[in-house]
Amino acid sequence: MTTSGQAAVATAGHGGSTPGTRIEIRNLTKHFGSVIAVANLTFDVEPGRITGFLGPNGAGKTTTLRMALGLVRPTSGTALIGGVPYRRIARPLRVVGSALEATNFHPGRSGRDHLRVLGDTAGIGAARVDELLDLVGLKDAARKRAGGYSMGMRQRLGLAAALIGDPPVLLLDEPTNGLDPEGIRWLRGFLRHLSSQGRTILISSHLLSEVEQTVDDVVIINHGRLVKAGPIEELHGESTCLVRTSDPTRLAQALSDSAGVRSHPAEDGALVASTADLRLVGDIALKTGLPIWELRAQGGDLEQLFFALTEEPSGAAQTGAVA
């Protein structure tokens, strides 16, 4: 992003929006014939926090987002934004911004014209369009045809379109697709800034690693069903440390006898102790007369837990696979 773009991030507010708008999903269900795309889904997305909506491809994430935006009618249940369904929001662009597809534009129009047409529908002037193009790093490509944009540029254009009405709520479907590492880092900081303004942000992804450093909360679904929801810290599980020594069996016994610390051998001969207190492990090893070759903390394996949750085949035969 350019220096002016960074300044825009620092100064851009959302004067036309009302912070504190919650998304409430209650018993949301969608059937497509005999296929159950979403089944009795319930969760909240809180203001001022970034929520990751996670699950493998075909888990029902996009269908849920489409129901929240009134693009798909639920079989049962409700999706409320600020306490009302999307279709009852009088000025939707000023309340909810969304980016569900990176190709939702006319390929012959420039990026600037795409945003101007969108802004005209809500009485939003060209000044806001130019501000957003700078904000998302597309100022230099503003007059180029959007059909020639790279996938990363299309993602940035989609984000600018979502922000056209300065809304308090953002729904973004796979926003990191097509972004290079620098672009992902930029997006992370950009979303953090937006959430600090009190906006409610829901981003979907099929990869926990893409959003792990971005989100505050997670909602994980599989086969259209909720499998986990809550702060991302709760997914980290027990903190442990890995230690290498000349006699791991002896150290394991000493850890248990001296401090009640459980441990188990790793596949490569190291010892994994159920504590994050490296000093404790080092002191016990010293008292036991054992050398320490390596000692480092390690958190719970989020990726392993994510796959363990989403590989559960429960309900797969009845629900099928829908986006």
Protein backbone atom coordinates (compact mmCIF):
# COMPACT_ATOMS: atom_id res chain seq x y z
CA MET A 1 0.00 0.00 0.00
CA THR A 2 1.20 3.52 -0.72
CA THR A 3 2.00 6.04 2.00
CA SER A 4 -1.18 7.94 1.16
CA GLY A 5 -3.11 4.68 1.39
CA GLN A 6 -1.70 4.08 4.87
CA ALA A 7 -2.76 7.58 5.83
CA ALA A 8 -6.24 6.86 4.55
CA VAL A 9 -6.44 3.79 6.78
CA ALA A 10 -5.49 5.92 9.74
CA THR A 11 -8.09 8.60 9.01
CA ALA A 12 -10.98 6.73 7.39
CA GLY A 13 -13.93 6.46 9.72
CA HIS A 14 -17.41 5.12 9.25
CA GLY A 15 -19.48 8.17 9.96
CA GLY A 16 -22.40 6.82 7.95
CA SER A 17 -22.62 3.66 10.03
CA THR A 18 -23.66 2.67 13.50
CA PRO A 19 -21.03 0.65 15.40
CA GLY A 20 -22.18 -2.21 17.59
CA THR A 21 -24.15 -4.13 14.96
CA ARG A 22 -24.31 -7.83 15.80
CA ILE A 23 -24.95 -10.72 13.42
CA GLU A 24 -27.24 -13.36 14.93
CA ILE A 25 -27.68 -16.74 13.26
CA ARG A 26 -30.40 -18.84 14.85
CA ASN A 27 -31.27 -22.43 13.88
CA LEU A 28 -30.47 -21.63 10.26
CA THR A 29 -31.26 -24.50 7.91
CA LYS A 30 -31.23 -24.84 4.13
CA HIS A 31 -32.32 -27.83 2.03
CA PHE A 32 -31.66 -28.12 -1.68
CA GLY A 33 -33.98 -30.99 -2.51
CA SER A 34 -32.70 -33.99 -0.55
CA VAL A 35 -29.37 -32.28 0.22
CA ILE A 36 -29.06 -30.50 3.56
CA ALA A 37 -26.60 -27.67 2.92
CA VAL A 38 -26.92 -26.05 6.36
CA ALA A 39 -28.41 -27.76 9.40
CA ASN A 40 -29.71 -25.97 12.49
CA LEU A 41 -26.81 -23.52 12.60
CA THR A 42 -26.62 -21.07 15.53
CA PHE A 43 -23.86 -18.56 16.33
CA ASP A 44 -23.20 -14.83 16.90
CA VAL A 45 -20.69 -12.46 15.33
CA GLU A 46 -19.79 -9.70 17.77
CA PRO A 47 -18.97 -6.04 17.01
CA GLY A 48 -15.36 -4.97 17.28
CA ARG A 49 -14.11 -8.51 16.62
CA ILE A 50 -13.04 -10.47 13.58
CA THR A 51 -14.74 -13.85 13.35
CA GLY A 52 -13.35 -16.59 11.15
CA PHE A 53 -16.03 -18.74 9.52
CA LEU A 54 -14.16 -21.96 8.88
CA GLY A 55 -14.76 -25.32 7.31
CA PRO A 56 -13.63 -27.44 4.38
CA ASN A 57 -14.81 -26.73 0.86
CA GLY A 58 -18.47 -27.71 0.60
CA ALA A 59 -19.13 -27.25 4.32
CA GLY A 60 -21.95 -24.73 3.73
CA LYS A 61 -20.11 -21.48 4.45
CA THR A 62 -21.07 -19.63 1.26
CA THR A 63 -24.68 -20.82 1.51
CA THR A 64 -24.83 -19.43 5.05
CA LEU A 65 -23.41 -16.08 3.93
CA ARG A 66 -25.90 -15.94 1.07
CA MET A 67 -28.76 -16.56 3.47
CA ALA A 68 -27.46 -13.77 5.75
CA LEU A 69 -27.50 -11.43 2.72
CA GLY A 70 -30.98 -12.44 1.57
CA LEU A 71 -29.68 -14.07 -1.62
CA VAL A 72 -30.89 -17.52 -0.58
CA ARG A 73 -34.11 -18.12 1.33
CA PRO A 74 -33.64 -20.33 4.41
CA THR A 75 -35.71 -23.47 4.77
CA SER A 76 -36.02 -22.51 8.44
CA GLY A 77 -34.30 -20.37 11.03
CA THR A 78 -33.19 -16.74 10.91
CA ALA A 79 -30.17 -14.63 10.02
CA LEU A 80 -30.39 -11.17 11.59
CA ILE A 81 -28.10 -8.16 11.18
CA GLY A 82 -28.66 -5.54 13.83
CA GLY A 83 -31.79 -7.42 14.88
CA VAL A 84 -33.47 -7.48 11.46
CA PRO A 85 -33.19 -9.61 8.30
CA TYR A 86 -31.14 -8.12 5.49
CA ARG A 87 -34.20 -7.57 3.26
CA ARG A 88 -35.64 -5.15 5.83
CA ILE A 89 -32.56 -2.93 6.00
CA ALA A 90 -33.54 0.38 4.40
CA ARG A 91 -30.08 1.38 3.14
CA PRO A 92 -28.19 -1.93 2.96
CA LEU A 93 -24.92 -0.62 1.47
CA ARG A 94 -24.56 1.68 4.46
CA VAL A 95 -25.11 -1.17 6.93
CA VAL A 96 -23.62 -4.32 5.35
CA GLY A 97 -20.68 -4.67 3.00
CA SER A 98 -20.03 -8.00 1.33
CA ALA A 99 -17.58 -9.60 -1.06
CA LEU A 100 -18.66 -13.10 -2.04
CA GLU A 101 -17.08 -13.32 -5.50
CA ALA A 102 -13.92 -11.79 -6.93
CA THR A 103 -15.54 -11.61 -10.39
CA ASN A 104 -18.65 -9.62 -9.52
CA PHE A 105 -17.90 -6.75 -11.93
CA HIS A 106 -18.15 -5.86 -15.61
CA PRO A 107 -14.78 -6.82 -17.17
CA GLY A 108 -14.92 -3.89 -19.61
CA ARG A 109 -15.26 -1.26 -16.88
CA SER A 110 -12.35 0.23 -15.03
CA GLY A 111 -12.07 -0.41 -11.32
CA ARG A 112 -13.00 3.21 -10.68
CA ASP A 113 -16.09 3.04 -12.89
CA HIS A 114 -17.20 -0.17 -11.19
CA LEU A 115 -17.14 1.56 -7.81
CA ARG A 116 -18.77 4.73 -9.19
CA VAL A 117 -21.71 2.77 -10.59
CA LEU A 118 -22.09 0.97 -7.28
CA GLY A 119 -21.83 4.23 -5.36
CA ASP A 120 -24.44 5.93 -7.56
CA THR A 121 -27.04 3.38 -6.44
CA ALA A 122 -26.66 4.64 -2.88
CA GLY A 123 -25.98 8.31 -3.53
CA ILE A 124 -22.27 7.96 -2.77
CA GLY A 125 -20.01 10.41 -4.62
CA ALA A 126 -16.74 10.04 -6.51
CA ALA A 127 -14.67 11.33 -3.59
CA ARG A 128 -15.46 8.18 -1.61
CA VAL A 129 -14.56 6.03 -4.63
CA ASP A 130 -11.14 7.65 -4.97
CA GLU A 131 -10.56 7.35 -1.23
CA LEU A 132 -11.29 3.63 -1.34
CA LEU A 133 -9.10 2.97 -4.38
CA ASP A 134 -6.22 4.55 -2.48
CA LEU A 135 -7.19 2.71 0.68
CA VAL A 136 -6.99 -0.75 -0.90
CA GLY A 137 -3.88 -0.01 -2.98
CA LEU A 138 -5.52 0.26 -6.42
CA LYS A 139 -4.93 3.94 -7.09
CA ASP A 140 -2.46 3.28 -9.91
CA ALA A 141 -4.77 0.71 -11.55
CA ALA A 142 -7.99 2.67 -11.03
CA ARG A 143 -8.52 3.44 -14.73
CA LYS A 144 -7.50 0.03 -16.05
CA ARG A 145 -10.17 -2.45 -17.12
CA ALA A 146 -11.10 -4.69 -14.23
CA GLY A 147 -11.18 -7.68 -16.57
CA GLY A 148 -7.40 -7.44 -16.77
CA TYR A 149 -6.90 -7.38 -13.00
CA SER A 150 -5.03 -10.20 -11.29
CA MET A 151 -6.95 -12.26 -8.71
CA GLY A 152 -5.30 -10.29 -5.91
CA MET A 153 -6.35 -6.99 -7.49
CA ARG A 154 -9.88 -8.31 -7.90
CA GLN A 155 -9.96 -9.18 -4.23
CA ARG A 156 -8.91 -5.63 -3.38
CA LEU A 157 -11.58 -4.22 -5.70
CA GLY A 158 -14.17 -6.45 -4.05
CA LEU A 159 -13.10 -5.19 -0.63
CA ALA A 160 -13.38 -1.59 -1.83
CA ALA A 161 -16.89 -2.34 -3.11
CA ALA A 162 -17.83 -3.85 0.25
CA LEU A 163 -16.71 -0.65 1.97
CA ILE A 164 -18.39 1.77 -0.45
CA GLY A 165 -21.16 2.68 2.01
CA ASP A 166 -18.84 2.77 5.05
CA PRO A 167 -20.84 -0.05 6.69
CA PRO A 168 -20.47 -1.33 10.26
CA VAL A 169 -20.77 -4.96 9.09
CA LEU A 170 -18.52 -6.82 6.63
CA LEU A 171 -19.06 -10.32 5.21
CA LEU A 172 -16.08 -11.55 3.21
CA ASP A 173 -15.90 -14.94 1.48
CA GLU A 174 -12.32 -16.29 1.13
CA PRO A 175 -10.77 -12.78 1.01
CA THR A 176 -7.17 -14.05 0.93
CA ASN A 177 -7.64 -16.01 -2.32
CA GLY A 178 -5.14 -14.76 -4.90
CA LEU A 179 -3.22 -12.56 -2.49
CA ASP A 180 0.54 -12.93 -2.23
CA PRO A 181 2.19 -13.01 1.24
CA GLU A 182 2.57 -9.23 1.26
CA GLY A 183 -1.09 -8.85 0.30
CA ILE A 184 -2.18 -11.22 3.08
CA ARG A 185 -0.13 -9.23 5.57
CA TRP A 186 -1.71 -6.01 4.29
CA LEU A 187 -5.20 -7.50 4.57
CA ARG A 188 -4.52 -8.65 8.12
CA GLY A 189 -3.58 -5.13 9.22
CA PHE A 190 -6.43 -3.58 7.25
CA LEU A 191 -9.05 -5.82 8.87
CA ARG A 192 -7.53 -5.18 12.28
CA HIS A 193 -7.93 -1.45 11.73
CA LEU A 194 -11.55 -1.88 10.66
CA SER A 195 -12.39 -4.02 13.68
CA SER A 196 -10.78 -1.44 15.99
CA GLN A 197 -13.47 0.98 14.76
CA GLY A 198 -16.12 -1.32 16.20
CA ARG A 199 -17.12 -3.01 12.95
CA THR A 200 -18.48 -6.52 12.88
CA ILE A 201 -16.38 -8.65 10.53
CA LEU A 202 -17.06 -12.22 9.38
CA ILE A 203 -14.55 -13.82 7.01
CA SER A 204 -14.85 -17.32 5.63
CA SER A 205 -11.98 -19.64 4.79
CA HIS A 206 -11.32 -23.34 4.35
CA LEU A 207 -7.80 -22.94 5.78
CA LEU A 208 -7.26 -22.11 9.43
CA SER A 209 -3.64 -21.14 8.70
CA GLU A 210 -4.84 -18.25 6.50
CA VAL A 211 -6.84 -16.56 9.26
CA GLU A 212 -5.13 -17.83 12.40
CA GLN A 213 -3.21 -14.57 12.94
CA THR A 214 -6.17 -12.38 11.99
CA VAL A 215 -9.31 -13.53 13.80
CA ASP A 216 -10.48 -13.14 17.39
CA ASP A 217 -13.23 -15.76 17.26
CA VAL A 218 -13.90 -18.84 15.18
CA VAL A 219 -17.01 -20.62 13.98
CA ILE A 220 -16.17 -24.02 12.49
CA ILE A 221 -18.74 -25.97 10.51
CA ASN A 222 -18.67 -29.27 8.65
CA HIS A 223 -21.42 -30.76 6.48
CA GLY A 224 -23.49 -27.68 7.32
CA ARG A 225 -23.35 -28.32 11.05
CA LEU A 226 -21.64 -26.40 13.82
CA VAL A 227 -18.67 -28.26 15.33
CA LYS A 228 -16.93 -25.47 17.30
CA ALA A 229 -17.46 -21.80 18.15
CA GLY A 230 -15.65 -19.43 20.47
CA PRO A 231 -12.47 -17.38 20.95
CA ILE A 232 -9.54 -18.69 18.94
CA GLU A 233 -7.50 -18.98 22.14
CA GLU A 234 -9.74 -21.86 23.15
CA LEU A 235 -8.51 -23.83 20.15
CA HIS A 236 -4.88 -23.71 21.17
CA GLY A 237 -5.37 -26.39 23.77
CA GLU A 238 -2.72 -27.28 26.33
CA SER A 239 0.66 -25.54 26.11
CA THR A 240 3.60 -27.92 26.12
CA CYS A 241 7.34 -27.85 25.67
CA LEU A 242 9.71 -30.04 23.73
CA VAL A 243 12.97 -31.11 25.36
CA ARG A 244 15.90 -33.16 24.09
CA THR A 245 18.27 -34.84 26.49
CA SER A 246 20.48 -37.89 26.75
CA ASP A 247 17.94 -39.88 28.81
CA PRO A 248 14.34 -38.78 28.15
CA THR A 249 12.89 -41.66 30.21
CA ARG A 250 14.81 -40.57 33.28
CA LEU A 251 13.82 -36.93 32.77
CA ALA A 252 10.17 -37.91 32.36
CA GLN A 253 10.28 -39.69 35.72
CA ALA A 254 11.98 -36.72 37.36
CA LEU A 255 9.39 -34.29 35.99
CA SER A 256 6.59 -36.47 37.34
CA ASP A 257 8.18 -37.04 40.77
CA SER A 258 9.33 -33.45 41.33
CA ALA A 259 6.49 -31.39 39.86
CA GLY A 260 3.72 -33.74 38.76
CA VAL A 261 4.36 -32.81 35.12
CA ARG A 262 3.11 -35.38 32.63
CA SER A 263 5.17 -36.12 29.53
CA HIS A 264 5.32 -38.46 26.58
CA PRO A 265 7.96 -39.34 24.00
CA ALA A 266 7.90 -37.71 20.58
CA GLU A 267 8.47 -39.76 17.44
CA ASP A 268 12.00 -38.43 16.97
CA GLY A 269 13.24 -39.28 20.47
CA ALA A 270 12.44 -35.95 22.11
CA LEU A 271 10.23 -35.59 25.16
CA VAL A 272 7.02 -33.53 25.17
CA ALA A 273 6.20 -32.19 28.64
CA SER A 274 2.77 -30.82 29.58
CA THR A 275 4.00 -27.46 30.81
CA ALA A 276 5.00 -24.12 29.31
CA ASP A 277 7.38 -23.43 32.21
CA LEU A 278 10.78 -23.86 30.56
CA ARG A 279 12.64 -22.82 33.68
CA LEU A 280 10.97 -25.59 35.68
CA VAL A 281 12.00 -28.22 33.14
CA GLY A 282 15.55 -26.85 32.98
CA ASP A 283 15.93 -26.78 36.76
CA ILE A 284 14.69 -30.35 37.15
CA ALA A 285 17.00 -31.57 34.40
CA LEU A 286 19.92 -29.84 36.12
CA LYS A 287 19.10 -31.41 39.49
CA THR A 288 18.80 -34.79 37.80
CA GLY A 289 22.20 -34.34 36.20
CA LEU A 290 20.94 -34.49 32.63
CA PRO A 291 22.17 -32.27 29.80
CA ILE A 292 19.62 -30.25 27.81
CA TRP A 293 20.22 -30.22 24.05
CA GLU A 294 17.02 -28.42 23.12
CA LEU A 295 14.21 -26.85 25.11
CA ARG A 296 11.39 -24.84 23.51
CA ALA A 297 7.74 -24.03 24.12
CA GLN A 298 5.10 -25.19 21.70
CA GLY A 299 1.41 -24.38 21.59
CA GLY A 300 -1.41 -26.66 20.63
CA ASP A 301 -1.39 -27.63 16.95
CA LEU A 302 -4.32 -25.60 15.61
CA GLU A 303 -4.09 -27.06 12.13
CA GLN A 304 -4.17 -30.61 13.49
CA LEU A 305 -7.18 -29.79 15.68
CA PHE A 306 -8.96 -28.09 12.78
CA PHE A 307 -8.59 -31.16 10.59
CA ALA A 308 -9.63 -33.44 13.44
CA LEU A 309 -12.84 -31.43 13.83
CA THR A 310 -13.67 -31.13 10.14
CA GLU A 311 -12.81 -34.68 9.12
CA GLU A 312 -15.59 -36.01 11.33
CA PRO A 313 -17.91 -37.76 8.84
CA SER A 314 -21.04 -37.33 11.00
CA GLY A 315 -24.01 -36.52 8.80
CA ALA A 316 -22.06 -36.63 5.56
CA ALA A 317 -24.33 -39.16 3.93
CA GLN A 318 -27.40 -36.98 4.51
CA THR A 319 -25.99 -33.52 3.94
CA GLY A 320 -23.83 -33.91 0.84
CA ALA A 321 -21.49 -31.14 -0.27
CA VAL A 322 -22.67 -27.61 -0.94
CA ALA A 323 -20.56 -24.44 -0.93
